[in-house]
Amino acid sequence: MLAGLIALLLLSLTLLVLYVRTGKENAKFGVRLKKLADENERLRQLSLAGTETCVMLIFDQNKELKYVNEQFKHLYHTDEQSYINTVGRTMSDYLKWSGYTESFIIDSRKTFIGKAENTKGKAIWKQITITPNTDERGNTNYIVVEVDITSVKETELQLQAQKKRSDELLLNMLPSEIVEELKVKGAATPRVYRSASVLFADIKNFTRWAESLSPHELLDTLQNLFSEFDDVLAANYIEKIKTIGDAYMCAGGLPMKNNRHPFNIVLAAFGLQQAITRLDERRAREGGEPWLMRIGIHTGAVITGVVGKTRTVYDMWGDTVNIANRLESACDPGRINVSEATYLIIKDYFECEYRGKIPAKHKGEIDMYFVNRLKPEYSADESGFVPNAAFNNMLSNL
């Protein structure tokens, strides 16, 4: 009897232990099942959202493609197999196709901008987000979501192109340093230069000649001539200041200060005269009378700045500007007239002709010199307009 009771008690205890253990296992299983259900619902919602608004791809733990949604097929006008045949199956193939060639470890969510073409040749800009998702078994899937940002990117590129055109227009009007200062500060600080070389050029009898041309012919001629002048200045590091009718004003030694400007501006003057000579040769073949240009150059202190609220103008002021203008007015047509200040700097390298003291309006008498050519030992051509290596070496050491 007692033995039977003991056996029954042991059986009851065993059943109780099994019940408790089974309950715990069931509870654990229930938790896992709930997690899986939650994860499946999250993926279902993500897939639904992706199907409606975004492109979605899923790569398995080997980073091989196992799913693309309908939006992918619609955007790229291709099906999954055609895409695999053309691009490849792996995530690496996908990234290269999207314009992303850098290798990286996807251990967390990554976002970047990509670009690809559909089968119709249309370029598509996209924001790509790659999210690794690890399941209960430790397997990782990679969920790729693309958002089509083509219209946004095209607008951005258009704005960049417009900005570039605006910057180019400003650079045609103002020195680059001034443009940058205006962008940053909204205003340009006046600058004082203790030494700069100013050049004025003017064409003889231009007003009388212009009266015989139509407006279109006049502007076309000036455009071609001043474009050649601009090229000459750029080659000699001279800054164009402005044009007034047929008058042309430029300066050396600014906006970047340097010690070469008296030499560079005389070389530029040679270039301007040669441009006029080429134009005269064409005019002579057409029966026109030749143009002759007067050039005046002076070296001294100037002040530069930007003036005006509309149609902003970069200009310069000071006695140096006025004297250079007087030197141009007192110059013989076809010649280059420099002040004594400029002559004393360049005299060892250029052949100059002293003219004496010449009256200048509001300036009294000024010592003036014609510059004829480079000295033979510094010239690479017979005319004396092209500097040789010795001259260029001298300039580089200033």
Protein backbone atom coordinates (compact mmCIF):
# COMPACT_ATOMS: atom_id res chain seq x y z
CA MET A 1 0.00 0.00 0.00
CA LEU A 2 2.72 2.46 0.98
CA ALA A 3 4.77 1.52 -2.04
CA GLY A 4 1.82 2.26 -4.30
CA LEU A 5 1.35 5.70 -2.78
CA ILE A 6 5.00 6.51 -3.25
CA ALA A 7 4.87 5.45 -6.89
CA LEU A 8 1.79 7.57 -7.47
CA LEU A 9 3.48 10.57 -5.81
CA LEU A 10 6.57 10.19 -8.01
CA LEU A 11 4.42 10.00 -11.13
CA SER A 12 2.57 13.14 -10.11
CA LEU A 13 5.83 14.99 -9.53
CA THR A 14 7.17 13.86 -12.90
CA LEU A 15 4.04 15.03 -14.68
CA LEU A 16 4.26 18.38 -12.85
CA VAL A 17 7.88 18.87 -13.93
CA LEU A 18 7.03 17.97 -17.52
CA TYR A 19 4.09 20.38 -17.45
CA VAL A 20 6.18 23.24 -16.14
CA ARG A 21 9.01 22.55 -18.60
CA THR A 22 6.58 22.29 -21.51
CA GLY A 23 4.95 25.52 -20.48
CA LYS A 24 8.29 27.32 -20.48
CA GLU A 25 9.18 25.91 -23.90
CA ASN A 26 5.80 26.91 -25.21
CA ALA A 27 6.30 30.39 -23.82
CA LYS A 28 9.70 30.71 -25.50
CA PHE A 29 8.27 29.40 -28.73
CA GLY A 30 5.44 31.86 -28.44
CA VAL A 31 7.90 34.75 -28.01
CA ARG A 32 9.89 33.64 -31.04
CA LEU A 33 6.73 33.23 -33.04
CA LYS A 34 5.61 36.72 -32.04
CA LYS A 35 8.96 38.19 -33.10
CA LEU A 36 8.76 36.42 -36.44
CA ALA A 37 5.22 37.62 -36.95
CA ASP A 38 6.22 41.19 -36.10
CA GLU A 39 9.20 41.02 -38.46
CA ASN A 40 7.08 39.58 -41.25
CA GLU A 41 4.54 42.34 -40.77
CA ARG A 42 7.30 44.98 -40.84
CA LEU A 43 8.68 43.52 -44.07
CA ARG A 44 5.18 43.30 -45.52
CA GLN A 45 4.50 46.95 -44.76
CA LEU A 46 7.91 47.95 -46.11
CA SER A 47 7.31 45.92 -49.24
CA LEU A 48 3.88 47.46 -49.67
CA ALA A 49 5.27 50.97 -49.33
CA GLY A 50 8.11 50.14 -51.70
CA THR A 51 5.73 48.71 -54.26
CA GLU A 52 3.66 51.88 -54.27
CA THR A 53 6.33 54.59 -54.12
CA CYS A 54 9.84 53.17 -54.23
CA VAL A 55 12.00 50.67 -55.97
CA MET A 56 12.88 47.70 -53.78
CA LEU A 57 15.43 44.94 -54.16
CA ILE A 58 16.33 42.23 -51.66
CA PHE A 59 19.67 40.44 -51.63
CA ASP A 60 20.26 37.29 -49.58
CA GLN A 61 23.10 36.59 -47.14
CA ASN A 62 25.39 35.79 -50.10
CA LYS A 63 24.47 39.22 -51.50
CA GLU A 64 22.73 37.70 -54.47
CA LEU A 65 19.48 39.12 -55.79
CA LYS A 66 16.34 37.26 -54.78
CA TYR A 67 13.58 39.86 -55.23
CA VAL A 68 12.66 43.03 -57.12
CA ASN A 69 9.30 44.77 -56.86
CA GLU A 70 6.97 45.99 -59.60
CA GLN A 71 8.15 49.58 -59.28
CA PHE A 72 11.66 48.45 -60.25
CA LYS A 73 10.28 46.85 -63.39
CA HIS A 74 8.23 49.94 -64.19
CA LEU A 75 11.04 52.47 -63.65
CA TYR A 76 13.72 50.60 -65.53
CA HIS A 77 11.44 49.02 -68.16
CA THR A 78 12.90 45.59 -67.54
CA ASP A 79 12.08 42.36 -65.73
CA GLU A 80 14.21 40.64 -63.11
CA GLN A 81 15.81 38.11 -65.45
CA SER A 82 16.66 40.69 -68.11
CA TYR A 83 18.25 42.88 -65.43
CA ILE A 84 20.34 39.91 -64.20
CA ASN A 85 21.42 39.05 -67.74
CA THR A 86 22.47 42.65 -68.41
CA VAL A 87 23.84 43.85 -65.08
CA GLY A 88 24.51 40.77 -62.95
CA ARG A 89 23.11 39.01 -59.91
CA THR A 90 25.23 40.30 -57.05
CA MET A 91 24.98 43.43 -54.92
CA SER A 92 28.40 44.46 -56.23
CA ASP A 93 27.00 44.38 -59.78
CA TYR A 94 24.06 46.48 -58.66
CA LEU A 95 26.29 49.08 -57.00
CA LYS A 96 28.53 49.40 -60.07
CA TRP A 97 25.44 49.78 -62.25
CA SER A 98 24.28 52.53 -59.91
CA GLY A 99 27.56 54.39 -60.30
CA TYR A 100 29.04 53.46 -56.95
CA THR A 101 32.39 51.71 -57.43
CA GLU A 102 33.84 52.06 -53.93
CA SER A 103 33.80 48.94 -51.81
CA PHE A 104 32.41 49.09 -48.28
CA ILE A 105 31.17 46.80 -45.52
CA ILE A 106 27.40 47.00 -45.08
CA ASP A 107 27.10 46.37 -41.37
CA SER A 108 24.56 49.13 -40.81
CA ARG A 109 22.21 51.24 -42.88
CA LYS A 110 23.99 53.03 -45.76
CA THR A 111 22.59 55.83 -47.91
CA PHE A 112 24.11 57.40 -51.02
CA ILE A 113 23.17 58.97 -54.36
CA GLY A 114 23.36 56.81 -57.47
CA LYS A 115 22.65 57.10 -61.17
CA ALA A 116 21.64 54.53 -63.77
CA GLU A 117 19.91 54.29 -67.14
CA ASN A 118 16.78 52.35 -67.99
CA THR A 119 16.44 50.29 -71.15
CA LYS A 120 15.14 53.36 -73.01
CA GLY A 121 18.34 55.27 -72.29
CA LYS A 122 16.84 57.67 -69.75
CA ALA A 123 19.21 58.69 -66.95
CA ILE A 124 17.71 58.15 -63.52
CA TRP A 125 19.09 59.73 -60.35
CA LYS A 126 18.21 57.88 -57.18
CA GLN A 127 18.76 57.97 -53.44
CA ILE A 128 19.72 54.46 -52.38
CA THR A 129 19.35 53.10 -48.84
CA ILE A 130 20.72 49.64 -48.00
CA THR A 131 19.55 48.12 -44.72
CA PRO A 132 20.92 44.78 -43.42
CA ASN A 133 18.25 42.67 -41.69
CA THR A 134 19.27 39.64 -39.60
CA ASP A 135 16.70 36.94 -38.77
CA GLU A 136 16.53 34.55 -35.78
CA ARG A 137 18.82 32.06 -37.47
CA GLY A 138 21.53 34.66 -37.96
CA ASN A 139 20.96 34.97 -41.71
CA THR A 140 21.24 38.51 -43.08
CA ASN A 141 19.18 39.86 -45.94
CA TYR A 142 19.98 43.23 -47.52
CA ILE A 143 16.97 45.40 -48.27
CA VAL A 144 17.66 48.05 -50.92
CA VAL A 145 15.18 50.93 -51.30
CA GLU A 146 15.55 53.47 -54.12
CA VAL A 147 13.81 56.84 -54.21
CA ASP A 148 13.68 58.45 -57.66
CA ILE A 149 15.17 61.94 -57.31
CA THR A 150 15.69 62.59 -61.02
CA SER A 151 13.58 65.75 -61.11
CA VAL A 152 15.31 67.12 -57.99
CA LYS A 153 18.77 66.36 -59.40
CA GLU A 154 17.95 67.86 -62.80
CA THR A 155 16.77 71.05 -61.09
CA GLU A 156 19.97 71.09 -59.04
CA LEU A 157 22.09 70.70 -62.18
CA GLN A 158 20.17 73.49 -63.90
CA LEU A 159 20.79 75.77 -60.92
CA GLN A 160 24.48 74.89 -60.99
CA ALA A 161 24.63 75.70 -64.72
CA GLN A 162 22.89 79.02 -64.12
CA LYS A 163 25.29 79.82 -61.28
CA LYS A 164 28.23 79.01 -63.55
CA ARG A 165 26.90 81.35 -66.23
CA SER A 166 26.36 84.08 -63.62
CA ASP A 167 29.90 83.61 -62.29
CA GLU A 168 31.32 83.78 -65.82
CA LEU A 169 29.38 86.98 -66.47
CA LEU A 170 30.70 88.53 -63.25
CA LEU A 171 34.26 87.48 -64.14
CA ASN A 172 33.86 89.23 -67.48
CA MET A 173 32.96 92.41 -65.60
CA LEU A 174 35.16 92.24 -62.52
CA PRO A 175 38.50 90.72 -61.44
CA SER A 176 38.18 87.27 -59.88
CA GLU A 177 39.38 88.47 -56.46
CA ILE A 178 36.68 91.16 -56.43
CA VAL A 179 34.01 88.65 -57.45
CA GLU A 180 34.94 86.35 -54.56
CA GLU A 181 34.89 89.25 -52.11
CA LEU A 182 31.46 90.35 -53.32
CA LYS A 183 30.15 86.80 -52.88
CA VAL A 184 31.44 86.53 -49.32
CA LYS A 185 30.93 90.07 -48.01
CA GLY A 186 28.40 91.58 -50.40
CA ALA A 187 30.76 94.50 -50.97
CA ALA A 188 34.32 95.10 -52.19
CA THR A 189 36.87 96.95 -50.09
CA PRO A 190 38.71 99.79 -51.90
CA ARG A 191 42.38 98.95 -52.46
CA VAL A 192 45.41 101.21 -52.62
CA TYR A 193 48.32 100.20 -54.86
CA ARG A 194 51.57 102.06 -54.39
CA SER A 195 52.75 100.95 -57.81
CA ALA A 196 50.65 100.12 -60.86
CA SER A 197 51.00 100.79 -64.58
CA VAL A 198 48.02 102.34 -66.35
CA LEU A 199 47.51 102.28 -70.13
CA PHE A 200 45.11 104.32 -72.23
CA ALA A 201 44.62 103.58 -75.93
CA ASP A 202 42.63 105.56 -78.46
CA ILE A 203 42.09 105.23 -82.23
CA LYS A 204 42.77 108.27 -84.42
CA ASN A 205 39.74 109.69 -86.27
CA PHE A 206 37.51 106.93 -84.94
CA THR A 207 34.48 109.21 -84.53
CA ARG A 208 34.62 110.37 -88.18
CA TRP A 209 35.11 106.81 -89.38
CA ALA A 210 32.25 105.47 -87.22
CA GLU A 211 29.79 107.86 -88.87
CA SER A 212 30.19 105.98 -92.15
CA LEU A 213 29.16 102.61 -90.66
CA SER A 214 25.82 101.10 -89.75
CA PRO A 215 25.33 100.36 -86.02
CA HIS A 216 25.73 96.64 -86.69
CA GLU A 217 29.01 97.12 -88.61
CA LEU A 218 30.35 99.47 -85.93
CA LEU A 219 29.62 97.10 -83.05
CA ASP A 220 30.91 94.10 -84.98
CA THR A 221 34.21 95.85 -85.71
CA LEU A 222 34.68 96.99 -82.12
CA GLN A 223 33.76 93.54 -80.81
CA ASN A 224 36.39 91.86 -82.98
CA LEU A 225 39.04 94.46 -82.17
CA PHE A 226 38.48 94.58 -78.40
CA SER A 227 38.29 90.78 -78.24
CA GLU A 228 41.81 90.68 -79.71
CA PHE A 229 42.85 93.31 -77.18
CA ASP A 230 41.45 91.19 -74.34
CA ASP A 231 43.51 88.20 -75.52
CA VAL A 232 46.66 90.35 -75.57
CA LEU A 233 46.02 91.53 -72.00
CA ALA A 234 45.39 88.02 -70.73
CA ALA A 235 48.68 86.81 -72.24
CA ASN A 236 50.57 89.60 -70.41
CA TYR A 237 48.78 89.50 -67.00
CA ILE A 238 47.16 92.90 -67.51
CA GLU A 239 43.71 93.71 -66.12
CA LYS A 240 41.15 95.33 -68.41
CA ILE A 241 39.39 98.21 -66.65
CA LYS A 242 36.88 99.57 -69.15
CA THR A 243 36.13 100.80 -72.66
CA ILE A 244 34.55 104.14 -73.52
CA GLY A 245 33.67 104.30 -77.19
CA ASP A 246 36.92 103.49 -78.95
CA ALA A 247 39.01 104.25 -75.84
CA TYR A 248 40.50 101.27 -74.03
CA MET A 249 41.85 101.38 -70.46
CA CYS A 250 43.81 98.68 -68.66
CA ALA A 251 46.34 98.35 -65.85
CA GLY A 252 49.12 96.08 -64.60
CA GLY A 253 50.13 95.27 -61.04
CA LEU A 254 46.57 94.67 -59.84
CA PRO A 255 44.46 93.20 -58.41
CA MET A 256 47.38 90.87 -57.55
CA LYS A 257 50.40 93.01 -56.73
CA ASN A 258 53.64 92.25 -58.61
CA ASN A 259 56.85 93.95 -59.74
CA ARG A 260 56.63 93.00 -63.42
CA HIS A 261 53.79 95.26 -64.45
CA PRO A 262 55.81 98.07 -66.18
CA PHE A 263 57.42 95.47 -68.48
CA ASN A 264 54.23 93.50 -69.02
CA ILE A 265 52.20 96.55 -69.91
CA VAL A 266 54.71 97.70 -72.54
CA LEU A 267 54.65 94.21 -74.07
CA ALA A 268 50.85 94.45 -74.02
CA ALA A 269 51.10 97.81 -75.82
CA PHE A 270 53.15 96.11 -78.56
CA GLY A 271 50.41 93.48 -78.83
CA LEU A 272 47.67 96.11 -79.14
CA GLN A 273 49.56 97.92 -81.89
CA GLN A 274 50.09 94.65 -83.75
CA ALA A 275 46.35 93.91 -83.52
CA ILE A 276 45.61 97.31 -85.10
CA THR A 277 48.22 96.62 -87.81
CA ARG A 278 46.49 93.34 -88.72
CA LEU A 279 43.15 95.15 -88.90
CA ASP A 280 44.67 97.85 -91.11
CA GLU A 281 45.99 95.22 -93.49
CA ARG A 282 42.49 93.81 -93.91
CA ARG A 283 41.03 97.29 -94.30
CA ALA A 284 43.63 98.17 -96.92
CA ARG A 285 42.58 95.18 -99.04
CA GLU A 286 39.00 96.49 -98.86
CA GLY A 287 40.08 100.03 -99.82
CA GLY A 288 39.65 101.50 -96.35
CA GLU A 289 42.00 104.03 -94.78
CA PRO A 290 44.30 102.71 -92.03
CA TRP A 291 43.63 103.12 -88.36
CA LEU A 292 46.36 104.43 -86.11
CA MET A 293 46.30 104.06 -82.33
CA ARG A 294 47.78 106.30 -79.67
CA ILE A 295 48.93 104.67 -76.43
CA GLY A 296 49.90 106.39 -73.18
CA ILE A 297 51.45 104.62 -70.15
CA HIS A 298 52.30 105.89 -66.68
CA THR A 299 53.41 104.09 -63.52
CA GLY A 300 52.43 105.23 -60.03
CA ALA A 301 49.94 104.87 -57.18
CA VAL A 302 46.25 104.17 -57.80
CA ILE A 303 43.07 103.42 -55.88
CA THR A 304 40.67 100.75 -57.13
CA GLY A 305 37.16 99.83 -56.11
CA VAL A 306 33.65 98.88 -57.15
CA VAL A 307 31.12 101.68 -57.53
CA GLY A 308 27.39 101.80 -58.10
CA LYS A 309 24.34 99.90 -56.87
CA THR A 310 23.23 98.76 -60.34
CA ARG A 311 25.47 97.74 -63.24
CA THR A 312 28.39 97.64 -60.84
CA VAL A 313 31.65 98.93 -62.30
CA TYR A 314 35.23 98.18 -61.26
CA ASP A 315 37.25 101.37 -61.69
CA MET A 316 40.42 103.14 -60.60
CA TRP A 317 41.30 106.65 -59.59
CA GLY A 318 44.29 108.82 -58.82
CA ASP A 319 46.81 111.13 -60.44
CA THR A 320 48.44 108.16 -62.17
CA VAL A 321 45.25 107.57 -64.15
CA ASN A 322 45.02 111.22 -65.16
CA ILE A 323 48.66 111.36 -66.28
CA ALA A 324 48.31 108.17 -68.35
CA ASN A 325 45.32 109.75 -70.06
CA ARG A 326 47.31 112.91 -70.82
CA LEU A 327 50.18 110.81 -72.20
CA GLU A 328 47.76 109.13 -74.62
CA SER A 329 46.38 112.49 -75.75
CA ALA A 330 49.93 113.82 -76.34
CA CYS A 331 51.05 110.71 -78.25
CA ASP A 332 51.62 110.59 -82.00
CA PRO A 333 49.33 108.14 -83.86
CA GLY A 334 50.86 104.68 -84.14
CA ARG A 335 53.29 105.25 -81.24
CA ILE A 336 53.62 104.26 -77.56
CA ASN A 337 54.19 107.19 -75.21
CA VAL A 338 55.46 106.61 -71.64
CA SER A 339 56.20 108.85 -68.68
CA GLU A 340 59.60 109.28 -67.12
CA ALA A 341 58.46 107.16 -64.16
CA THR A 342 57.83 104.21 -66.48
CA TYR A 343 60.92 104.91 -68.59
CA LEU A 344 63.28 104.75 -65.62
CA ILE A 345 62.06 101.21 -64.86
CA ILE A 346 62.16 99.79 -68.40
CA LYS A 347 65.03 101.70 -70.02
CA ASP A 348 67.62 98.91 -69.71
CA TYR A 349 65.47 96.51 -71.72
CA PHE A 350 63.61 98.66 -74.26
CA GLU A 351 64.86 101.14 -76.86
CA CYS A 352 63.25 104.44 -75.94
CA GLU A 353 63.30 107.88 -77.60
CA TYR A 354 63.26 110.98 -75.44
CA ARG A 355 60.70 113.53 -76.62
CA GLY A 356 61.50 116.31 -74.17
CA LYS A 357 59.07 118.11 -71.93
CA ILE A 358 55.63 118.04 -73.50
CA PRO A 359 52.71 120.19 -72.27
CA ALA A 360 49.89 118.16 -70.74
CA LYS A 361 46.47 119.56 -69.89
CA HIS A 362 46.31 120.61 -66.21
CA LYS A 363 49.70 118.91 -65.60
CA GLY A 364 52.17 121.40 -67.03
CA GLU A 365 55.16 119.99 -68.89
CA ILE A 366 55.91 116.27 -68.56
CA ASP A 367 59.03 114.38 -69.65
CA MET A 368 57.84 111.87 -72.25
CA TYR A 369 59.45 108.99 -74.14
CA PHE A 370 58.46 106.90 -77.14
CA VAL A 371 59.05 103.17 -76.71
CA ASN A 372 60.19 101.76 -80.05
CA ARG A 373 61.08 98.14 -79.39
CA LEU A 374 62.91 95.66 -77.17
CA LYS A 375 66.67 95.95 -77.23
CA PRO A 376 68.21 93.35 -79.62
CA GLU A 377 69.75 91.35 -76.79
CA TYR A 378 66.27 90.85 -75.30
CA SER A 379 64.33 90.31 -78.51
CA ALA A 380 63.37 87.03 -80.17
CA ASP A 381 62.37 88.68 -83.49
CA GLU A 382 63.79 91.37 -85.79
CA SER A 383 60.99 93.81 -85.09
CA GLY A 384 61.74 93.76 -81.36
CA PHE A 385 58.23 92.99 -80.19
CA VAL A 386 58.71 89.41 -78.97
CA PRO A 387 60.80 88.88 -75.80
CA ASN A 388 63.47 86.18 -75.75
CA ALA A 389 64.50 83.75 -73.01
CA ALA A 390 66.85 86.26 -71.38
CA PHE A 391 64.08 88.79 -71.01
CA ASN A 392 61.60 86.22 -69.70
CA ASN A 393 64.18 84.99 -67.21
CA MET A 394 64.62 88.56 -65.97
CA LEU A 395 60.86 88.87 -65.49
CA SER A 396 60.62 85.60 -63.59
CA ASN A 397 63.21 86.81 -61.08
CA LEU A 398 61.44 90.07 -60.26
